[in-house]
Structures are given as structure tokens and as C-alpha cells.
Amino acid sequence: MKYRRRLLLVVTLLSLAAFTAVGATGSWHTPGPYENGDKPPAWADAWSMAQFQHPVIYGGDEATAMEFDMKPFGFKGYSFTSGGVAIYYRVHLSSNPMDRGKRYHSYEVYAKDATGAVSFWQGWQDYGDPATTRFLGCDWTTKDATLPLHGQPHGWVESGCGKEAWYARAQNWQWDVTLLINDATTVPTAGETADTPQSQWVLTGKKGVKRTLNAYWYGTGSTRYPTRNNPGPRGWFCADFYGTIVSYGSSQCGAGLLPQYIAPTMPTVEAITTINKTYSATGIQIPN
């Protein structure tokens, strides 16, 4: 995978000055001045080594240029189990104008099912047009429970009550994800954009280290969303950054395409499993 090898080299070089990556040092980034969540589990590293010749890195092929070069603090890892499937979900999100002002944010998902087979997704998750899908309110519980029923081709962001809720609505073969930043670092303001300077951010005094995650993948046998991904793609295939599948049957993808792999044994993950994470705030600075 020439693109992943190239990015691994870039990560190694940048880690000397800006941040630490698995491929460069053998360990996940530790707190101070920002924090990158749970380190990848050994099984995910081993699978990535076997497929791409390097362990899991944050800022892989799917990372946007701004995320990778300017906002490495936004990468967060979540390691958990839902419905008997071990999952490692890496997303790029922070509670500030830079991230609220962007529609797409990168992600990777590694999932190990009961047979030991590992599936892998990567790309950009759609959180909706910043001009029309950024809301103030506190009704994320209701929206989370009905997310798959909305049928919208995009997600949205909702801020209020000191929290920020991010909803991703993806292609049928991808994951639906809701993520709450329970200690939002900034208060949304009228007219803010991705370019709003940090000196104008309205800070809450919190560090953005308390997060709640719900993740769903609908395969064969889904009762919550039976038509979503049935039967859906299996094996290796190539998709663009937005999730449009271009080719099947190979992990060798051309420029602008990302390899994906869904094991034949990957089951539906639709139980409402709430994952609460509180990461270390030691030495953390804003942005985080």
C-alpha cells in the first residue's frame, strides 16, 4: 500500500516536532499538551502490520491535510466491545470552531468478530453542512435513538448544556456513530467559521476529555435497520473518501481511493452500547 507507507514516513518525521505516532515510536501518544485517547489494541496493530506493513497510526491515508498537518490533537481512539465484537474506532473531532466549521472528519474502524476475523473501514464521516446542520439544544438522546430512522444522507452537530453531540450518517456499508463531548471546550458563537482565530474562541474552562460513544453497523440479520446493508459488500473493495464504492476484490486501490475489508463473518452491531470514556487531563491544553 504505497500511500500508507508514504504517510507512515511523514508521521515519523513529524513526530520529532509535533506529535507521536505508533509507527514512529511503538507507543500511542501520551497526554500533554493534548491527548489521543485509547491506544490501539494489539490485535488491531497485528492486523495492520500484516496488511499494510505498519501498526495502527493516527492520520492514515484517509486523514485530511488540515487534520494531519494542523490538528493532530483532534485524533481520538476508542477501544471497546459491543455485541460480542471487539472494536477500535479512531475519529477526528474536537469541540471548537475549527472542527465545527468542517463537514467531513476522518475515521478508521477495526472490528474483530467472534471468529477472530478482523474487518476494516476508513474514510471521511459526514457531519452535515456547517451552514445548515449546527444546532443549539439538548435533545441528543432522542435524536440518537432515532438516528437510523431519519434517513438523512448526512449528520449534524448539536451544542448545549455544556455538551457537544456529533452525529455521523454514512453510506450503507459504513458505521453510524454518535459522539458526545461531555465537557465541551468552547461555546458556539454566531458567525464562527473554521478560520475563527483561537483568541476569539469562547472557552468553557473544560478540557474535552469526557466522551460518550455509540457506534452501529448494520449487516445481515439487523432488526433495527434490516434494509440498510443487506447483504452488503464483503471482502476487499475500494471506495473514495466519501464512501462511494468503486471496485471490488482487491486491496490495491488507485489514487484517491481507500482499501476497505469486511470479513464474511462480520455480524450486525446494533445493540445500544454506551461507551463512556474519561481521559487524562494532565498537562492538557486547548485545543484538545
Foldseek 3Di string as FASTA:
>chain_A
DVQQVVVLVVQLVCCVPPNDWCQNPVWHTDPAQADAEDTDDPLQQVVCCVVPVGGDTPPGSAADPCCVPPNVRQWHWDWDDFPQKTKIKIWGDAQWQLRLQDFWTKMKMWIQHPVRDIWIDIFIFGQDHSVPAEEEDDPVVVCVVCVVVVPDQAHHWYDYPQKIKTWTHAALQDKTKIKMQNRHQFDDDPPRHSPDDPVPTHGPPDASQKMKMWMWHDADPDPVCNVRAVHHDAAKFKDANRGHTDGDDDCDDDPRIHITHHHPPDHTRDPGDMDIGGGDNVNYDPPD
